[in-house]
Amino acid sequence: MSTASLTELSQDRGPTSGDDLVRLAMAQAGIDQLQHWGIDNVGVALGERSAALDAALDAQGLVHWRTPRHAPHITALRPPPDRLQALIDAFAAARIDCTIRAGRVRLAPHLHVPAADLQRVAALVASLAR
């Protein structure tokens, strides 16, 4: 991996717009932050978030709604087809970001998401499962 910064690389390409420089600076800050944290540590921390969501879903009796053996950084809910749209609408109203693929509601808890927020997600899901 090259040690050149993204800003240095952009200077090699020639003139760029101010927007490009802002995006490059943001990307560089993100790369610097990941290097500071350590990639393995990020994976562990994301796995802890996903495990906390799984535990909260289990505590709500929603074992059958969650996806077993998912990656540490992403998981999915498996609602019954008749509950899918209600779940999508409830997440939108609660400003919970998700994507929908093949009847699954994909969630990727970020590092800044505390366990209490994941418990609230599980409680919202439980309210729709009843």
N, C-alpha and C. Protein backbone atom coordinates (compact mmCIF):
# COMPACT_ATOMS: atom_id res chain seq x y z
N MET A 1 0.84 -1.18 0.00
CA MET A 1 0.00 0.00 0.00
C MET A 1 0.88 1.23 0.00
N SER A 2 0.58 2.18 -0.85
CA SER A 2 1.35 3.40 -0.94
C SER A 2 1.12 4.28 0.28
N THR A 3 2.15 4.99 0.67
CA THR A 3 2.00 5.89 1.81
C THR A 3 1.62 7.29 1.36
N ALA A 4 1.45 7.51 0.07
CA ALA A 4 1.04 8.82 -0.43
C ALA A 4 -0.37 9.12 0.04
N SER A 5 -0.61 10.37 0.40
CA SER A 5 -1.96 10.74 0.81
C SER A 5 -2.84 10.92 -0.41
N LEU A 6 -4.14 10.88 -0.19
CA LEU A 6 -5.07 11.08 -1.30
C LEU A 6 -4.93 12.48 -1.88
N THR A 7 -4.63 13.47 -1.05
CA THR A 7 -4.44 14.83 -1.54
C THR A 7 -3.23 14.89 -2.45
N GLU A 8 -2.15 14.21 -2.07
CA GLU A 8 -0.97 14.18 -2.93
C GLU A 8 -1.29 13.51 -4.25
N LEU A 9 -2.06 12.43 -4.20
CA LEU A 9 -2.44 11.75 -5.42
C LEU A 9 -3.28 12.65 -6.31
N SER A 10 -4.18 13.44 -5.73
CA SER A 10 -5.02 14.33 -6.54
C SER A 10 -4.17 15.42 -7.18
N GLN A 11 -3.12 15.85 -6.49
CA GLN A 11 -2.24 16.87 -7.06
C GLN A 11 -1.49 16.33 -8.26
N ASP A 12 -1.21 15.03 -8.25
CA ASP A 12 -0.55 14.40 -9.39
C ASP A 12 -1.45 14.37 -10.61
N ARG A 13 -2.77 14.34 -10.39
CA ARG A 13 -3.73 14.28 -11.50
C ARG A 13 -3.94 15.62 -12.15
N GLY A 14 -3.57 16.68 -11.49
CA GLY A 14 -3.79 18.01 -12.05
C GLY A 14 -4.87 18.73 -11.29
N PRO A 15 -5.38 19.83 -11.85
CA PRO A 15 -6.38 20.66 -11.15
C PRO A 15 -7.64 19.87 -10.82
N THR A 16 -8.16 20.11 -9.62
CA THR A 16 -9.42 19.50 -9.20
C THR A 16 -10.31 20.60 -8.65
N SER A 17 -11.59 20.30 -8.59
CA SER A 17 -12.51 21.29 -8.04
C SER A 17 -12.40 21.29 -6.52
N GLY A 18 -12.94 22.32 -5.89
CA GLY A 18 -12.96 22.39 -4.44
C GLY A 18 -13.71 21.23 -3.83
N ASP A 19 -14.81 20.81 -4.50
CA ASP A 19 -15.58 19.65 -4.00
C ASP A 19 -14.73 18.40 -3.99
N ASP A 20 -13.91 18.22 -5.02
CA ASP A 20 -13.03 17.05 -5.06
C ASP A 20 -12.07 17.06 -3.88
N LEU A 21 -11.52 18.22 -3.59
CA LEU A 21 -10.56 18.31 -2.49
C LEU A 21 -11.23 18.03 -1.15
N VAL A 22 -12.47 18.46 -0.98
CA VAL A 22 -13.20 18.17 0.26
C VAL A 22 -13.44 16.67 0.38
N ARG A 23 -13.89 16.05 -0.70
CA ARG A 23 -14.12 14.60 -0.68
C ARG A 23 -12.83 13.85 -0.41
N LEU A 24 -11.75 14.29 -1.03
CA LEU A 24 -10.46 13.63 -0.80
C LEU A 24 -10.01 13.80 0.64
N ALA A 25 -10.21 14.98 1.20
CA ALA A 25 -9.83 15.20 2.60
C ALA A 25 -10.65 14.32 3.53
N MET A 26 -11.94 14.20 3.23
CA MET A 26 -12.80 13.34 4.06
C MET A 26 -12.38 11.88 3.94
N ALA A 27 -12.07 11.45 2.74
CA ALA A 27 -11.63 10.07 2.54
C ALA A 27 -10.31 9.82 3.28
N GLN A 28 -9.40 10.79 3.19
CA GLN A 28 -8.12 10.65 3.88
C GLN A 28 -8.32 10.57 5.39
N ALA A 29 -9.22 11.38 5.92
CA ALA A 29 -9.49 11.35 7.36
C ALA A 29 -10.05 9.99 7.76
N GLY A 30 -10.92 9.43 6.93
CA GLY A 30 -11.47 8.10 7.22
C GLY A 30 -10.40 7.02 7.19
N ILE A 31 -9.52 7.08 6.21
CA ILE A 31 -8.43 6.10 6.13
C ILE A 31 -7.50 6.24 7.33
N ASP A 32 -7.18 7.47 7.68
CA ASP A 32 -6.33 7.71 8.86
C ASP A 32 -6.97 7.15 10.11
N GLN A 33 -8.28 7.37 10.26
CA GLN A 33 -8.99 6.89 11.44
C GLN A 33 -8.98 5.36 11.49
N LEU A 34 -9.23 4.71 10.36
CA LEU A 34 -9.19 3.25 10.32
C LEU A 34 -7.80 2.71 10.67
N GLN A 35 -6.78 3.37 10.15
CA GLN A 35 -5.42 2.93 10.48
C GLN A 35 -5.12 3.12 11.95
N HIS A 36 -5.61 4.19 12.53
CA HIS A 36 -5.41 4.45 13.96
C HIS A 36 -6.13 3.39 14.81
N TRP A 37 -7.38 3.09 14.45
CA TRP A 37 -8.15 2.10 15.21
C TRP A 37 -7.62 0.69 15.01
N GLY A 38 -7.20 0.39 13.78
CA GLY A 38 -6.77 -0.96 13.43
C GLY A 38 -7.94 -1.72 12.84
N ILE A 39 -7.73 -2.26 11.66
CA ILE A 39 -8.81 -2.95 10.94
C ILE A 39 -9.40 -4.09 11.77
N ASP A 40 -8.55 -4.88 12.40
CA ASP A 40 -9.06 -5.99 13.21
C ASP A 40 -9.93 -5.50 14.36
N ASN A 41 -9.54 -4.38 14.97
CA ASN A 41 -10.33 -3.82 16.07
C ASN A 41 -11.69 -3.35 15.59
N VAL A 42 -11.74 -2.80 14.40
CA VAL A 42 -13.02 -2.36 13.83
C VAL A 42 -13.93 -3.57 13.63
N GLY A 43 -13.38 -4.64 13.09
CA GLY A 43 -14.18 -5.86 12.89
C GLY A 43 -14.73 -6.41 14.19
N VAL A 44 -13.90 -6.41 15.22
CA VAL A 44 -14.35 -6.89 16.54
C VAL A 44 -15.47 -5.99 17.07
N ALA A 45 -15.27 -4.69 16.99
CA ALA A 45 -16.28 -3.75 17.50
C ALA A 45 -17.60 -3.87 16.73
N LEU A 46 -17.53 -4.03 15.43
CA LEU A 46 -18.76 -4.20 14.65
C LEU A 46 -19.45 -5.52 14.99
N GLY A 47 -18.64 -6.55 15.22
CA GLY A 47 -19.21 -7.83 15.65
C GLY A 47 -19.93 -7.72 16.98
N GLU A 48 -19.39 -6.89 17.87
CA GLU A 48 -20.04 -6.67 19.17
C GLU A 48 -21.39 -5.98 18.98
N ARG A 49 -21.46 -5.02 18.03
CA ARG A 49 -22.74 -4.34 17.76
C ARG A 49 -23.76 -5.34 17.22
N SER A 50 -23.34 -6.15 16.26
CA SER A 50 -24.26 -7.13 15.67
C SER A 50 -24.70 -8.16 16.71
N ALA A 51 -23.77 -8.58 17.57
CA ALA A 51 -24.12 -9.55 18.62
C ALA A 51 -25.11 -8.93 19.61
N ALA A 52 -24.93 -7.63 19.90
CA ALA A 52 -25.86 -6.94 20.81
C ALA A 52 -27.26 -6.89 20.19
N LEU A 53 -27.34 -6.64 18.89
CA LEU A 53 -28.64 -6.64 18.21
C LEU A 53 -29.25 -8.04 18.24
N ASP A 54 -28.45 -9.05 17.96
CA ASP A 54 -28.94 -10.43 18.02
C ASP A 54 -29.48 -10.76 19.42
N ALA A 55 -28.74 -10.38 20.45
CA ALA A 55 -29.16 -10.65 21.83
C ALA A 55 -30.46 -9.91 22.15
N ALA A 56 -30.57 -8.68 21.68
CA ALA A 56 -31.80 -7.91 21.93
C ALA A 56 -32.98 -8.55 21.21
N LEU A 57 -32.77 -9.02 20.00
CA LEU A 57 -33.85 -9.71 19.27
C LEU A 57 -34.23 -11.00 19.97
N ASP A 58 -33.22 -11.75 20.43
CA ASP A 58 -33.49 -12.99 21.17
C ASP A 58 -34.31 -12.71 22.42
N ALA A 59 -33.95 -11.63 23.14
CA ALA A 59 -34.65 -11.28 24.37
C ALA A 59 -36.11 -10.91 24.10
N GLN A 60 -36.40 -10.46 22.89
CA GLN A 60 -37.77 -10.11 22.49
C GLN A 60 -38.50 -11.32 21.89
N GLY A 61 -37.84 -12.48 21.88
CA GLY A 61 -38.47 -13.67 21.31
C GLY A 61 -38.47 -13.69 19.79
N LEU A 62 -37.50 -13.02 19.18
CA LEU A 62 -37.48 -12.88 17.72
C LEU A 62 -36.33 -13.64 17.06
N VAL A 63 -35.98 -14.77 17.64
CA VAL A 63 -34.88 -15.57 17.08
C VAL A 63 -35.14 -15.88 15.61
N HIS A 64 -36.37 -16.19 15.27
CA HIS A 64 -36.72 -16.57 13.90
C HIS A 64 -36.70 -15.38 12.93
N TRP A 65 -36.63 -14.15 13.44
CA TRP A 65 -36.56 -12.97 12.58
C TRP A 65 -35.12 -12.62 12.20
N ARG A 66 -34.15 -13.11 12.95
CA ARG A 66 -32.78 -12.69 12.67
C ARG A 66 -32.07 -13.69 11.77
N THR A 67 -30.97 -13.27 11.21
CA THR A 67 -30.19 -14.10 10.30
C THR A 67 -29.04 -14.73 11.06
N PRO A 68 -29.01 -16.05 11.12
CA PRO A 68 -27.90 -16.71 11.83
C PRO A 68 -26.61 -16.64 11.01
N ARG A 69 -25.49 -16.69 11.71
CA ARG A 69 -24.16 -16.77 11.09
C ARG A 69 -23.90 -15.66 10.09
N HIS A 70 -24.29 -14.44 10.41
CA HIS A 70 -24.04 -13.31 9.51
C HIS A 70 -22.64 -12.75 9.74
N ALA A 71 -22.22 -11.91 8.84
CA ALA A 71 -20.92 -11.24 8.96
C ALA A 71 -20.97 -10.27 10.14
N PRO A 72 -19.83 -9.92 10.70
CA PRO A 72 -19.84 -9.02 11.85
C PRO A 72 -20.35 -7.62 11.52
N HIS A 73 -20.20 -7.18 10.28
CA HIS A 73 -20.53 -5.81 9.94
C HIS A 73 -21.94 -5.60 9.38
N ILE A 74 -22.64 -6.69 9.13
CA ILE A 74 -23.98 -6.55 8.54
C ILE A 74 -24.83 -7.76 8.94
N THR A 75 -26.11 -7.51 9.10
CA THR A 75 -27.05 -8.58 9.41
C THR A 75 -28.35 -8.28 8.67
N ALA A 76 -29.30 -9.14 8.80
CA ALA A 76 -30.59 -8.91 8.15
C ALA A 76 -31.69 -9.49 9.01
N LEU A 77 -32.82 -8.84 8.97
CA LEU A 77 -34.03 -9.35 9.60
C LEU A 77 -34.82 -10.10 8.53
N ARG A 78 -35.49 -11.15 8.96
CA ARG A 78 -36.29 -11.98 8.06
C ARG A 78 -37.75 -11.94 8.51
N PRO A 79 -38.43 -10.84 8.27
CA PRO A 79 -39.82 -10.76 8.71
C PRO A 79 -40.72 -11.63 7.83
N PRO A 80 -41.83 -12.07 8.38
CA PRO A 80 -42.81 -12.74 7.53
C PRO A 80 -43.22 -11.78 6.41
N PRO A 81 -43.52 -12.28 5.24
CA PRO A 81 -43.85 -11.40 4.11
C PRO A 81 -44.96 -10.39 4.41
N ASP A 82 -45.93 -10.79 5.23
CA ASP A 82 -47.03 -9.87 5.54
C ASP A 82 -46.63 -8.76 6.51
N ARG A 83 -45.43 -8.81 7.06
CA ARG A 83 -44.93 -7.79 7.99
C ARG A 83 -43.82 -6.93 7.39
N LEU A 84 -43.35 -7.29 6.19
CA LEU A 84 -42.21 -6.61 5.59
C LEU A 84 -42.47 -5.11 5.41
N GLN A 85 -43.57 -4.74 4.76
CA GLN A 85 -43.81 -3.33 4.50
C GLN A 85 -44.02 -2.55 5.78
N ALA A 86 -44.68 -3.13 6.76
CA ALA A 86 -44.86 -2.46 8.05
C ALA A 86 -43.51 -2.20 8.72
N LEU A 87 -42.59 -3.16 8.60
CA LEU A 87 -41.26 -2.99 9.18
C LEU A 87 -40.50 -1.88 8.45
N ILE A 88 -40.56 -1.88 7.14
CA ILE A 88 -39.90 -0.83 6.35
C ILE A 88 -40.45 0.53 6.75
N ASP A 89 -41.77 0.64 6.84
CA ASP A 89 -42.39 1.92 7.20
C ASP A 89 -42.02 2.35 8.62
N ALA A 90 -42.01 1.41 9.55
CA ALA A 90 -41.65 1.73 10.94
C ALA A 90 -40.19 2.18 11.04
N PHE A 91 -39.30 1.51 10.31
CA PHE A 91 -37.90 1.92 10.31
C PHE A 91 -37.75 3.31 9.71
N ALA A 92 -38.45 3.59 8.64
CA ALA A 92 -38.38 4.92 8.02
C ALA A 92 -38.86 5.99 9.01
N ALA A 93 -39.98 5.73 9.69
CA ALA A 93 -40.52 6.68 10.65
C ALA A 93 -39.56 6.90 11.82
N ALA A 94 -38.84 5.84 12.21
CA ALA A 94 -37.90 5.94 13.34
C ALA A 94 -36.50 6.36 12.88
N ARG A 95 -36.36 6.62 11.59
CA ARG A 95 -35.07 7.03 11.01
C ARG A 95 -33.98 5.97 11.24
N ILE A 96 -34.37 4.73 11.06
CA ILE A 96 -33.43 3.61 11.12
C ILE A 96 -33.08 3.26 9.69
N ASP A 97 -31.81 3.41 9.34
CA ASP A 97 -31.37 3.14 7.98
C ASP A 97 -31.28 1.64 7.74
N CYS A 98 -31.80 1.22 6.61
CA CYS A 98 -31.75 -0.18 6.23
C CYS A 98 -31.85 -0.26 4.71
N THR A 99 -31.55 -1.43 4.19
CA THR A 99 -31.79 -1.71 2.77
C THR A 99 -32.61 -2.99 2.70
N ILE A 100 -33.30 -3.15 1.60
CA ILE A 100 -34.16 -4.31 1.42
C ILE A 100 -33.62 -5.14 0.27
N ARG A 101 -33.43 -6.42 0.54
CA ARG A 101 -32.98 -7.34 -0.51
C ARG A 101 -33.68 -8.68 -0.31
N ALA A 102 -34.36 -9.10 -1.34
CA ALA A 102 -34.99 -10.43 -1.36
C ALA A 102 -35.83 -10.70 -0.11
N GLY A 103 -36.62 -9.70 0.29
CA GLY A 103 -37.49 -9.88 1.45
C GLY A 103 -36.78 -9.80 2.79
N ARG A 104 -35.52 -9.43 2.78
CA ARG A 104 -34.74 -9.27 4.01
C ARG A 104 -34.49 -7.79 4.25
N VAL A 105 -34.45 -7.41 5.51
CA VAL A 105 -34.18 -6.02 5.89
C VAL A 105 -32.76 -5.99 6.44
N ARG A 106 -31.86 -5.44 5.66
CA ARG A 106 -30.44 -5.46 6.02
C ARG A 106 -30.10 -4.26 6.90
N LEU A 107 -29.36 -4.56 7.96
CA LEU A 107 -28.91 -3.54 8.92
C LEU A 107 -27.40 -3.66 9.09
N ALA A 108 -26.75 -2.53 9.20
CA ALA A 108 -25.31 -2.50 9.42
C ALA A 108 -25.02 -1.51 10.54
N PRO A 109 -25.10 -1.96 11.79
CA PRO A 109 -24.85 -1.03 12.91
C PRO A 109 -23.45 -0.44 12.85
N HIS A 110 -23.39 0.88 12.91
CA HIS A 110 -22.11 1.59 12.86
C HIS A 110 -21.43 1.56 14.23
N LEU A 111 -20.18 1.93 14.26
CA LEU A 111 -19.41 1.92 15.50
C LEU A 111 -19.99 2.86 16.55
N HIS A 112 -20.61 3.93 16.12
CA HIS A 112 -21.14 4.92 17.06
C HIS A 112 -22.52 4.56 17.61
N VAL A 113 -23.10 3.44 17.18
CA VAL A 113 -24.43 3.05 17.64
C VAL A 113 -24.32 2.33 18.98
N PRO A 114 -24.90 2.91 20.04
CA PRO A 114 -24.81 2.26 21.36
C PRO A 114 -25.80 1.09 21.48
N ALA A 115 -25.51 0.21 22.43
CA ALA A 115 -26.36 -0.97 22.65
C ALA A 115 -27.80 -0.58 22.94
N ALA A 116 -28.02 0.54 23.61
CA ALA A 116 -29.39 0.97 23.92
C ALA A 116 -30.19 1.22 22.64
N ASP A 117 -29.54 1.75 21.60
CA ASP A 117 -30.24 1.97 20.33
C ASP A 117 -30.59 0.64 19.68
N LEU A 118 -29.71 -0.34 19.81
CA LEU A 118 -29.99 -1.65 19.23
C LEU A 118 -31.15 -2.33 19.97
N GLN A 119 -31.26 -2.09 21.26
CA GLN A 119 -32.39 -2.62 22.02
C GLN A 119 -33.68 -1.95 21.58
N ARG A 120 -33.62 -0.66 21.25
CA ARG A 120 -34.82 0.03 20.75
C ARG A 120 -35.23 -0.51 19.38
N VAL A 121 -34.25 -0.85 18.54
CA VAL A 121 -34.57 -1.47 17.26
C VAL A 121 -35.31 -2.79 17.51
N ALA A 122 -34.79 -3.60 18.40
CA ALA A 122 -35.43 -4.89 18.69
C ALA A 122 -36.84 -4.69 19.25
N ALA A 123 -37.02 -3.69 20.11
CA ALA A 123 -38.35 -3.43 20.67
C ALA A 123 -39.32 -3.00 19.58
N LEU A 124 -38.85 -2.19 18.64
CA LEU A 124 -39.70 -1.77 17.53
C LEU A 124 -40.09 -2.98 16.68
N VAL A 125 -39.13 -3.83 16.38
CA VAL A 125 -39.42 -5.05 15.61
C VAL A 125 -40.43 -5.91 16.37
N ALA A 126 -40.22 -6.06 17.67
CA ALA A 126 -41.14 -6.88 18.48
C ALA A 126 -42.56 -6.31 18.44
N SER A 127 -42.69 -5.00 18.42
CA SER A 127 -44.03 -4.41 18.39
C SER A 127 -44.77 -4.76 17.10
N LEU A 128 -44.01 -5.00 16.04
CA LEU A 128 -44.62 -5.37 14.76
C LEU A 128 -44.86 -6.86 14.63
N ALA A 129 -44.15 -7.63 15.45
CA ALA A 129 -44.27 -9.09 15.37
C ALA A 129 -45.49 -9.60 16.11
N ARG A 130 -46.05 -8.78 16.97
CA ARG A 130 -47.18 -9.22 17.79
C ARG A 130 -48.47 -9.24 17.01
